[in-house]
Protein backbone atom coordinates (compact mmCIF):
# COMPACT_ATOMS: atom_id res chain seq x y z
CA UNK A 1 -0.04 -0.27 -0.04
CA UNK A 2 2.74 2.47 0.97
CA UNK A 3 4.52 1.78 -2.14
CA UNK A 4 1.82 2.27 -4.78
CA UNK A 5 1.13 5.74 -2.28
CA UNK A 6 5.00 6.68 -4.03
CA UNK A 7 4.34 5.70 -7.15
CA UNK A 8 1.95 7.58 -7.30
CA UNK A 9 3.50 10.78 -6.06
CA UNK A 10 6.78 10.09 -7.68
CA UNK A 11 4.57 10.03 -10.99
CA UNK A 12 2.96 13.29 -10.26
CA UNK A 13 6.42 14.57 -9.36
CA UNK A 14 7.98 13.61 -13.02
CA UNK A 15 4.50 14.68 -15.28
CA UNK A 16 4.64 18.28 -13.25
CA UNK A 17 8.64 18.39 -13.85
CA UNK A 18 7.93 17.37 -17.26
CA UNK A 19 4.87 19.60 -17.87
CA UNK A 20 6.97 22.61 -16.79
CA UNK A 21 9.97 21.96 -18.71
CA UNK A 22 7.47 21.74 -21.98
CA UNK A 23 6.42 25.31 -21.05
CA UNK A 24 9.87 26.98 -20.84
CA UNK A 25 10.83 25.39 -23.94
CA UNK A 26 7.89 26.61 -25.68
CA UNK A 27 8.05 30.09 -24.08
CA UNK A 28 11.16 30.32 -25.22
CA UNK A 29 10.46 29.53 -28.85
CA UNK A 30 8.53 32.40 -28.37
CA UNK A 31 10.77 34.86 -26.95
CA UNK A 32 13.03 33.37 -29.04
CA UNK A 33 10.78 34.88 -32.59
CA UNK A 34 10.49 38.63 -30.40
CA UNK A 35 14.14 38.34 -30.72
CA UNK A 36 14.42 37.96 -33.97
CA UNK A 37 12.10 40.50 -35.22
CA UNK A 38 14.16 42.92 -32.84
CA UNK A 39 17.12 41.89 -35.10
CA UNK A 40 15.20 42.19 -38.25
CA UNK A 41 13.94 45.42 -36.93
CA UNK A 42 18.18 46.40 -36.21
CA UNK A 43 19.01 45.18 -39.48
CA UNK A 44 16.81 47.79 -41.76
CA UNK A 45 17.98 49.91 -40.23
CA UNK A 46 14.72 50.92 -38.40
CA UNK A 47 16.39 52.09 -35.10
CA UNK A 48 17.99 55.38 -37.16
CA UNK A 49 14.22 56.76 -37.68
CA UNK A 50 12.17 55.10 -35.11
CA UNK A 51 11.91 53.66 -31.87
CA UNK A 52 11.58 49.52 -31.30
CA UNK A 53 7.67 48.83 -30.61
CA UNK A 54 8.04 45.04 -29.99
CA UNK A 55 6.90 44.33 -34.30
CA UNK A 56 9.53 44.56 -36.94
CA UNK A 57 6.70 46.18 -39.38
CA UNK A 58 4.87 49.03 -38.82
CA UNK A 59 7.09 52.06 -37.33
CA UNK A 60 5.61 55.11 -38.73
CA UNK A 61 1.80 53.66 -37.27
CA UNK A 62 3.47 53.07 -34.29
CA UNK A 63 5.13 56.49 -34.16
CA UNK A 64 2.22 58.39 -35.73
CA UNK A 65 0.72 57.02 -32.80
CA UNK A 66 2.45 57.53 -29.67
CA UNK A 67 2.93 61.75 -31.72
CA UNK A 68 -0.89 61.89 -30.77
CA UNK A 69 -0.36 60.26 -27.06
CA UNK A 70 -1.19 63.20 -24.67
CA UNK A 71 -0.70 63.53 -21.29
CA UNK A 72 -3.71 61.73 -19.18
CA UNK A 73 -4.61 59.04 -21.68
CA UNK A 74 -5.10 55.98 -20.43
CA UNK A 75 -3.51 52.59 -22.23
CA UNK A 76 -5.21 49.15 -21.43
CA UNK A 77 -3.12 46.16 -21.78
CA UNK A 78 -3.66 42.55 -21.94
CA UNK A 79 -0.87 40.13 -22.04
CA UNK A 80 0.27 36.90 -23.36
CA UNK A 81 -0.12 34.72 -20.86
CA UNK A 82 2.20 31.72 -23.20
CA UNK A 83 5.17 34.50 -23.42
CA UNK A 84 5.11 34.60 -18.83
CA UNK A 85 6.93 32.19 -16.87
CA UNK A 86 4.34 29.29 -15.64
CA UNK A 87 3.72 30.70 -12.14
CA UNK A 88 3.27 34.19 -13.94
CA UNK A 89 1.36 32.30 -16.72
CA UNK A 90 -0.80 30.63 -13.80
CA UNK A 91 -1.40 34.11 -11.71
CA UNK A 92 -2.80 35.92 -14.22
CA UNK A 93 -4.96 33.20 -15.75
CA UNK A 94 -6.45 33.03 -12.15
CA UNK A 95 -6.98 36.25 -11.69
CA UNK A 96 -8.72 36.61 -15.27
CA UNK A 97 -10.69 34.36 -13.93
CA UNK A 98 -11.45 35.61 -10.19
CA UNK A 99 -12.75 38.58 -11.71
CA UNK A 100 -14.91 36.63 -14.60
CA UNK A 101 -12.85 38.88 -17.02
CA UNK A 102 -11.43 38.12 -20.24
CA UNK A 103 -9.48 40.48 -21.94
CA UNK A 104 -12.77 40.10 -24.83
CA UNK A 105 -14.18 42.63 -22.45
CA UNK A 106 -13.17 46.47 -23.86
CA UNK A 107 -12.95 49.36 -21.90
CA UNK A 108 -15.86 51.78 -23.21
CA UNK A 109 -16.31 55.93 -23.13
CA UNK A 110 -16.61 55.70 -19.64
CA UNK A 111 -13.97 53.45 -18.17
CA UNK A 112 -12.46 50.42 -18.50
CA UNK A 113 -14.43 47.18 -17.99
CA UNK A 114 -13.03 44.41 -16.02
CA UNK A 115 -10.79 42.18 -19.51
CA UNK A 116 -7.69 44.18 -19.27
CA UNK A 117 -4.75 43.02 -16.96
CA UNK A 118 -2.93 46.46 -16.89
CA UNK A 119 -3.55 50.41 -17.09
CA UNK A 120 -1.04 52.69 -17.42
CA UNK A 121 -1.59 56.75 -18.25
CA UNK A 122 0.34 58.86 -20.50
CA UNK A 123 2.55 61.19 -19.17
CA UNK A 124 5.00 63.62 -21.32
CA UNK A 125 7.89 64.30 -20.19
CA UNK A 126 10.19 66.58 -22.10
CA UNK A 127 8.47 66.19 -25.42
CA UNK A 128 8.70 62.13 -24.40
CA UNK A 129 5.96 59.39 -23.99
CA UNK A 130 5.69 57.92 -20.85
CA UNK A 131 4.09 54.91 -19.78
CA UNK A 132 3.31 55.43 -15.63
CA UNK A 133 2.11 51.53 -15.00
CA UNK A 134 2.39 48.73 -12.60
CA UNK A 135 4.99 46.16 -11.91
CA UNK A 136 5.41 43.34 -14.97
CA UNK A 137 5.66 39.98 -14.13
CA UNK A 138 9.36 39.43 -14.68
CA UNK A 139 11.62 35.96 -13.27
CA UNK A 140 10.09 32.71 -11.84
CA UNK A 141 11.36 33.63 -8.61
CA UNK A 142 10.38 37.48 -8.14
CA UNK A 143 6.53 36.77 -6.87
CA UNK A 144 4.29 38.99 -9.07
CA UNK A 145 0.70 40.34 -7.78
CA UNK A 146 -1.53 41.63 -10.99
CA UNK A 147 -3.55 44.90 -10.30
CA UNK A 148 -0.74 46.77 -8.68
CA UNK A 149 -1.21 50.73 -8.45
CA UNK A 150 1.53 52.31 -10.96
CA UNK A 151 4.54 52.76 -9.55
CA UNK A 152 6.54 52.90 -13.06
CA UNK A 153 7.40 54.85 -16.04
CA UNK A 154 8.66 53.26 -19.02
CA UNK A 155 8.86 55.41 -22.62
CA UNK A 156 6.06 54.27 -24.40
CA UNK A 157 7.79 52.47 -27.22
CA UNK A 158 9.60 50.33 -24.49
CA UNK A 159 6.10 49.80 -22.05
CA UNK A 160 4.57 48.54 -25.70
CA UNK A 161 7.86 46.65 -27.47
CA UNK A 162 7.06 44.54 -24.03
CA UNK A 163 6.57 40.39 -25.28
CA UNK A 164 3.85 39.75 -22.92
CA UNK A 165 1.97 42.17 -24.62
CA UNK A 166 -1.36 41.33 -26.90
CA UNK A 167 -2.77 43.59 -27.28
CA UNK A 168 -3.42 47.88 -26.19
CA UNK A 169 -6.01 49.97 -26.39
CA UNK A 170 -6.04 53.95 -25.36
CA UNK A 171 -8.64 55.63 -24.12
CA UNK A 172 -8.66 59.28 -24.62
CA UNK A 173 -8.36 61.23 -21.04
CA UNK A 174 -11.83 62.76 -21.88
CA UNK A 175 -13.05 58.93 -22.27
CA UNK A 176 -14.09 60.47 -26.38
CA UNK A 177 -11.69 58.28 -28.00
CA UNK A 178 -10.66 54.48 -28.01
CA UNK A 179 -8.47 53.54 -30.32
CA UNK A 180 -6.98 49.74 -30.76
CA UNK A 181 -3.01 50.28 -31.21
CA UNK A 182 -2.29 46.47 -31.09
């Protein structure tokens, strides 16, 4: 009887270890694709004209969207769980489930729905657009809690270029304009 319990525990540990290894291999491949896009951007000479916005195409569109951002504009981002480390992806999915929301729930002119993983606010400093936003998921050993307070300030291109960003919607500070960026 004790032997069967040991076998069951050993099997569960092996399965969870295998699942984690598979997740990290898949995540590594997705992040490698992102880095290849960044290299193509650098090789194309784009960095001499436009900042990197996370894709290796459409720099001009992203640049003009950035120029149109005004102080107080709100940015709503949905994360891509597949590029987060497994503990953070599980935390994000559980948080979404707890809130009863999905990224398909879009903000309206009256404010954000519960479906977005991050909300940021545009600030302009010496003509440069910056986004004040909560801390984002990092390495698996660093604890992360979704929905935190906006404590970081990143340049808009760096904020948008983070590989974990799946979709972004901009809501004008007055609530009069809703625009999907990605």
